[in-house]
Each structure stands twice: as C-alpha cells, then as structure tokens.
C-alpha cells in the first residue's frame, strides 16, 4: 500500500461525513466556522489550516520518496529478477 493510501486510511474518521470535492469540504468548513462567535473563528481557522498544512507536507514527502524509489525499481526489481547487485537495489 502506498504511503498516501496509508495516510488517507489513518486520518479518515468513520463518525464524520465527507464531501465530493475538496472545494465543497472547504465551503462546509468555512460555513461552520462563520457560525462561531467571531472571537473563536480565527482559532478554528488556524487549527484547520495547521492540520491541512501537515497533511500537505506529508503527501509531498511521500511523493518525493516515490519519485526517488519508484515502484518496479530498486529492491522490487532486484527481487523480481534475482539480481541483487547494487545497481538494481539502489538505482
């Protein structure tokens, strides 16, 4: 399983719904936040963006690792071909 799929499974919570698109989810979140007392809106918005930025950073890290060690190369190739020489293990 890819790191991004692992991340998606780890952060999904069955108690809560989702939306069809990220834009719809943002619209919903901002609608909920707008109903809070104004003194609490900044804190709620900040918390939401801290979580989103952290998820974004994790996805970027996972994608960089996937580019560095693509599926079908490296160790996977070495095991598939039986050639465990360094050129196949660490491309």
N, C-alpha and C. Protein backbone atom coordinates (compact mmCIF):
# COMPACT_ATOMS: atom_id res chain seq x y z
N UNK A 1 0.85 -1.17 0.00
CA UNK A 1 0.00 0.00 0.00
C UNK A 1 0.90 1.24 0.00
N UNK A 2 0.54 2.22 -0.80
CA UNK A 2 1.34 3.44 -0.87
C UNK A 2 1.24 4.23 0.43
N UNK A 3 2.25 5.06 0.65
CA UNK A 3 2.25 5.89 1.86
C UNK A 3 1.05 6.84 1.88
N UNK A 4 0.65 7.34 0.71
CA UNK A 4 -0.50 8.25 0.68
C UNK A 4 -1.80 7.52 1.01
N UNK A 5 -1.93 6.27 0.57
CA UNK A 5 -3.12 5.50 0.96
C UNK A 5 -3.10 5.19 2.45
N UNK A 6 -1.91 4.89 2.99
CA UNK A 6 -1.80 4.67 4.43
C UNK A 6 -2.21 5.93 5.19
N UNK A 7 -1.76 7.08 4.69
CA UNK A 7 -2.11 8.34 5.32
C UNK A 7 -3.62 8.57 5.28
N UNK A 8 -4.21 8.34 4.12
CA UNK A 8 -5.66 8.54 3.97
C UNK A 8 -6.42 7.65 4.95
N UNK A 9 -6.01 6.39 5.06
CA UNK A 9 -6.69 5.48 6.00
C UNK A 9 -6.49 5.92 7.44
N UNK A 10 -5.31 6.42 7.76
CA UNK A 10 -5.00 6.81 9.14
C UNK A 10 -5.80 8.03 9.59
N UNK A 11 -6.09 8.96 8.68
CA UNK A 11 -6.76 10.19 9.10
C UNK A 11 -8.27 10.15 8.90
N UNK A 12 -8.77 9.16 8.19
CA UNK A 12 -10.22 9.08 7.97
C UNK A 12 -10.90 8.66 9.27
N UNK A 13 -12.00 9.32 9.57
CA UNK A 13 -12.77 9.00 10.78
C UNK A 13 -14.20 8.67 10.37
N UNK A 14 -14.62 7.47 10.68
CA UNK A 14 -15.93 6.98 10.26
C UNK A 14 -17.13 7.69 10.86
N UNK A 15 -16.92 8.43 11.94
CA UNK A 15 -18.02 9.12 12.58
C UNK A 15 -18.49 10.33 11.76
N UNK A 16 -17.58 10.87 10.92
CA UNK A 16 -17.88 12.09 10.20
C UNK A 16 -18.04 11.84 8.71
N UNK A 17 -18.80 12.72 8.07
CA UNK A 17 -19.04 12.62 6.63
C UNK A 17 -17.86 13.19 5.86
N UNK A 18 -17.98 13.14 4.56
CA UNK A 18 -17.02 13.82 3.69
C UNK A 18 -17.81 14.58 2.63
N UNK A 19 -17.12 15.21 1.73
CA UNK A 19 -17.75 15.94 0.64
C UNK A 19 -17.21 15.41 -0.68
N UNK A 20 -17.88 15.70 -1.77
CA UNK A 20 -17.49 15.19 -3.08
C UNK A 20 -16.17 15.78 -3.56
N UNK A 21 -15.89 17.02 -3.18
CA UNK A 21 -14.66 17.67 -3.61
C UNK A 21 -14.02 18.39 -2.43
N UNK A 22 -12.75 18.73 -2.59
CA UNK A 22 -12.06 19.49 -1.56
C UNK A 22 -12.70 20.87 -1.43
N UNK A 23 -13.08 21.48 -2.55
CA UNK A 23 -13.73 22.79 -2.50
C UNK A 23 -15.01 22.72 -1.67
N UNK A 24 -15.81 21.70 -1.88
CA UNK A 24 -17.05 21.56 -1.09
C UNK A 24 -16.73 21.39 0.39
N UNK A 25 -15.66 20.66 0.70
CA UNK A 25 -15.27 20.48 2.10
C UNK A 25 -14.83 21.81 2.71
N UNK A 26 -14.06 22.60 1.95
CA UNK A 26 -13.67 23.93 2.44
C UNK A 26 -14.89 24.82 2.65
N UNK A 27 -15.80 24.81 1.68
CA UNK A 27 -17.01 25.63 1.81
C UNK A 27 -17.78 25.25 3.07
N UNK A 28 -17.90 23.96 3.31
CA UNK A 28 -18.60 23.49 4.51
C UNK A 28 -17.87 23.95 5.77
N UNK A 29 -16.54 23.77 5.80
CA UNK A 29 -15.77 24.16 6.99
C UNK A 29 -15.90 25.65 7.26
N UNK A 30 -15.79 26.47 6.21
CA UNK A 30 -15.90 27.91 6.40
C UNK A 30 -17.32 28.32 6.80
N UNK A 31 -18.31 27.58 6.33
CA UNK A 31 -19.68 27.86 6.74
C UNK A 31 -19.84 27.59 8.24
N UNK A 32 -19.31 26.46 8.68
CA UNK A 32 -19.38 26.12 10.11
C UNK A 32 -18.60 27.15 10.93
N UNK A 33 -17.40 27.50 10.49
CA UNK A 33 -16.58 28.46 11.22
C UNK A 33 -17.26 29.83 11.28
N UNK A 34 -17.94 30.20 10.20
CA UNK A 34 -18.59 31.51 10.18
C UNK A 34 -19.72 31.61 11.20
N UNK A 35 -20.23 30.49 11.66
CA UNK A 35 -21.32 30.48 12.64
C UNK A 35 -20.81 30.56 14.09
N UNK A 36 -19.49 30.43 14.25
CA UNK A 36 -18.91 30.55 15.58
C UNK A 36 -18.87 32.02 15.99
N UNK A 37 -18.78 32.28 17.28
CA UNK A 37 -18.56 33.67 17.71
C UNK A 37 -17.27 34.18 17.06
N UNK A 38 -17.25 35.43 16.67
CA UNK A 38 -16.10 35.97 15.94
C UNK A 38 -14.80 35.79 16.71
N UNK A 39 -14.87 35.79 18.02
CA UNK A 39 -13.65 35.62 18.83
C UNK A 39 -13.05 34.22 18.70
N UNK A 40 -13.83 33.26 18.19
CA UNK A 40 -13.35 31.88 18.06
C UNK A 40 -13.04 31.50 16.61
N UNK A 41 -13.43 32.32 15.67
CA UNK A 41 -13.25 31.98 14.25
C UNK A 41 -11.77 31.88 13.86
N UNK A 42 -10.95 32.77 14.35
CA UNK A 42 -9.53 32.74 13.98
C UNK A 42 -8.88 31.46 14.50
N UNK A 43 -9.18 31.08 15.72
CA UNK A 43 -8.60 29.86 16.28
C UNK A 43 -9.04 28.62 15.50
N UNK A 44 -10.31 28.54 15.14
CA UNK A 44 -10.82 27.40 14.39
C UNK A 44 -10.19 27.34 12.99
N UNK A 45 -10.07 28.50 12.34
CA UNK A 45 -9.46 28.56 11.01
C UNK A 45 -7.99 28.17 11.10
N UNK A 46 -7.29 28.66 12.11
CA UNK A 46 -5.88 28.32 12.30
C UNK A 46 -5.71 26.82 12.49
N UNK A 47 -6.51 26.24 13.35
CA UNK A 47 -6.41 24.80 13.61
C UNK A 47 -6.65 23.99 12.33
N UNK A 48 -7.66 24.39 11.54
CA UNK A 48 -7.96 23.69 10.30
C UNK A 48 -6.76 23.75 9.35
N UNK A 49 -6.15 24.93 9.21
CA UNK A 49 -5.03 25.07 8.28
C UNK A 49 -3.76 24.39 8.79
N UNK A 50 -3.56 24.32 10.10
CA UNK A 50 -2.41 23.57 10.63
C UNK A 50 -2.54 22.10 10.24
N UNK A 51 -3.72 21.53 10.39
CA UNK A 51 -3.94 20.14 10.00
C UNK A 51 -3.74 19.97 8.50
N UNK A 52 -4.32 20.86 7.70
CA UNK A 52 -4.19 20.75 6.24
C UNK A 52 -2.74 20.89 5.79
N UNK A 53 -2.00 21.84 6.37
CA UNK A 53 -0.60 22.02 6.00
C UNK A 53 0.23 20.80 6.37
N UNK A 54 -0.07 20.19 7.51
CA UNK A 54 0.65 18.99 7.94
C UNK A 54 0.37 17.83 6.99
N UNK A 55 -0.88 17.65 6.59
CA UNK A 55 -1.23 16.60 5.63
C UNK A 55 -0.54 16.87 4.29
N UNK A 56 -0.57 18.13 3.85
CA UNK A 56 0.08 18.51 2.59
C UNK A 56 1.56 18.19 2.62
N UNK A 57 2.23 18.52 3.71
CA UNK A 57 3.66 18.25 3.85
C UNK A 57 3.94 16.74 3.81
N UNK A 58 3.10 15.96 4.45
CA UNK A 58 3.27 14.50 4.46
C UNK A 58 3.08 13.92 3.06
N UNK A 59 2.09 14.42 2.32
CA UNK A 59 1.87 13.97 0.94
C UNK A 59 3.08 14.31 0.08
N UNK A 60 3.60 15.54 0.21
CA UNK A 60 4.79 15.93 -0.56
C UNK A 60 5.97 15.04 -0.25
N UNK A 61 6.17 14.72 1.03
CA UNK A 61 7.26 13.84 1.44
C UNK A 61 7.08 12.45 0.83
N UNK A 62 5.85 11.94 0.86
CA UNK A 62 5.58 10.62 0.28
C UNK A 62 5.82 10.61 -1.22
N UNK A 63 5.40 11.67 -1.90
CA UNK A 63 5.59 11.75 -3.35
C UNK A 63 7.07 11.84 -3.70
N UNK A 64 7.84 12.59 -2.93
CA UNK A 64 9.28 12.69 -3.18
C UNK A 64 9.94 11.33 -3.01
N UNK A 65 9.54 10.58 -2.00
CA UNK A 65 10.09 9.24 -1.79
C UNK A 65 9.70 8.31 -2.93
N UNK A 66 8.47 8.43 -3.42
CA UNK A 66 8.01 7.59 -4.53
C UNK A 66 8.79 7.90 -5.80
N UNK A 67 9.13 9.17 -6.01
CA UNK A 67 9.93 9.54 -7.19
C UNK A 67 11.36 9.02 -7.06
N UNK A 68 11.90 9.06 -5.84
CA UNK A 68 13.27 8.61 -5.62
C UNK A 68 13.38 7.09 -5.75
N UNK A 69 12.37 6.38 -5.28
CA UNK A 69 12.35 4.92 -5.33
C UNK A 69 11.05 4.46 -5.97
N UNK A 70 10.92 4.58 -7.29
CA UNK A 70 9.65 4.26 -7.95
C UNK A 70 9.31 2.78 -7.87
N UNK A 71 8.02 2.48 -7.89
CA UNK A 71 7.57 1.08 -7.90
C UNK A 71 8.13 0.41 -9.14
N UNK A 72 8.54 -0.84 -8.99
CA UNK A 72 9.09 -1.58 -10.11
C UNK A 72 10.59 -1.41 -10.25
N UNK A 73 11.19 -0.54 -9.45
CA UNK A 73 12.63 -0.33 -9.50
C UNK A 73 13.24 -0.73 -8.18
N UNK A 74 14.49 -0.52 -8.06
CA UNK A 74 15.17 -0.75 -6.79
C UNK A 74 14.99 -2.15 -6.25
N UNK A 75 14.64 -2.25 -4.99
CA UNK A 75 14.53 -3.54 -4.31
C UNK A 75 13.51 -4.44 -5.00
N UNK A 76 12.37 -3.88 -5.41
CA UNK A 76 11.35 -4.70 -6.09
C UNK A 76 11.92 -5.35 -7.34
N UNK A 77 12.69 -4.59 -8.12
CA UNK A 77 13.30 -5.12 -9.34
C UNK A 77 14.32 -6.20 -8.98
N UNK A 78 15.11 -5.95 -7.95
CA UNK A 78 16.13 -6.92 -7.55
C UNK A 78 15.50 -8.25 -7.17
N UNK A 79 14.42 -8.22 -6.42
CA UNK A 79 13.78 -9.46 -6.02
C UNK A 79 13.10 -10.15 -7.21
N UNK A 80 12.52 -9.36 -8.10
CA UNK A 80 11.83 -9.94 -9.26
C UNK A 80 12.81 -10.61 -10.22
N UNK A 81 13.99 -10.02 -10.39
CA UNK A 81 14.96 -10.54 -11.35
C UNK A 81 15.96 -11.48 -10.72
N UNK A 82 16.09 -11.47 -9.41
CA UNK A 82 17.10 -12.28 -8.74
C UNK A 82 18.48 -11.63 -8.77
N UNK A 83 18.60 -10.47 -9.41
CA UNK A 83 19.86 -9.75 -9.48
C UNK A 83 19.92 -8.75 -8.33
N UNK A 84 20.66 -9.10 -7.30
CA UNK A 84 20.72 -8.26 -6.10
C UNK A 84 21.93 -7.35 -6.09
N UNK A 85 22.49 -7.08 -7.25
CA UNK A 85 23.65 -6.20 -7.32
C UNK A 85 23.22 -4.78 -6.95
N UNK A 86 24.16 -3.97 -6.47
CA UNK A 86 23.81 -2.60 -6.05
C UNK A 86 23.11 -1.79 -7.11
N UNK A 87 23.41 -2.02 -8.38
CA UNK A 87 22.76 -1.22 -9.43
C UNK A 87 21.26 -1.47 -9.47
N UNK A 88 20.81 -2.64 -9.05
CA UNK A 88 19.36 -2.90 -9.04
C UNK A 88 18.71 -2.57 -7.72
N UNK A 89 19.45 -2.66 -6.64
CA UNK A 89 18.87 -2.40 -5.33
C UNK A 89 18.74 -0.90 -5.10
N UNK A 90 19.77 -0.13 -5.47
CA UNK A 90 19.74 1.31 -5.29
C UNK A 90 20.02 1.99 -6.62
N UNK A 91 18.95 2.26 -7.37
CA UNK A 91 19.13 2.83 -8.72
C UNK A 91 19.76 4.20 -8.70
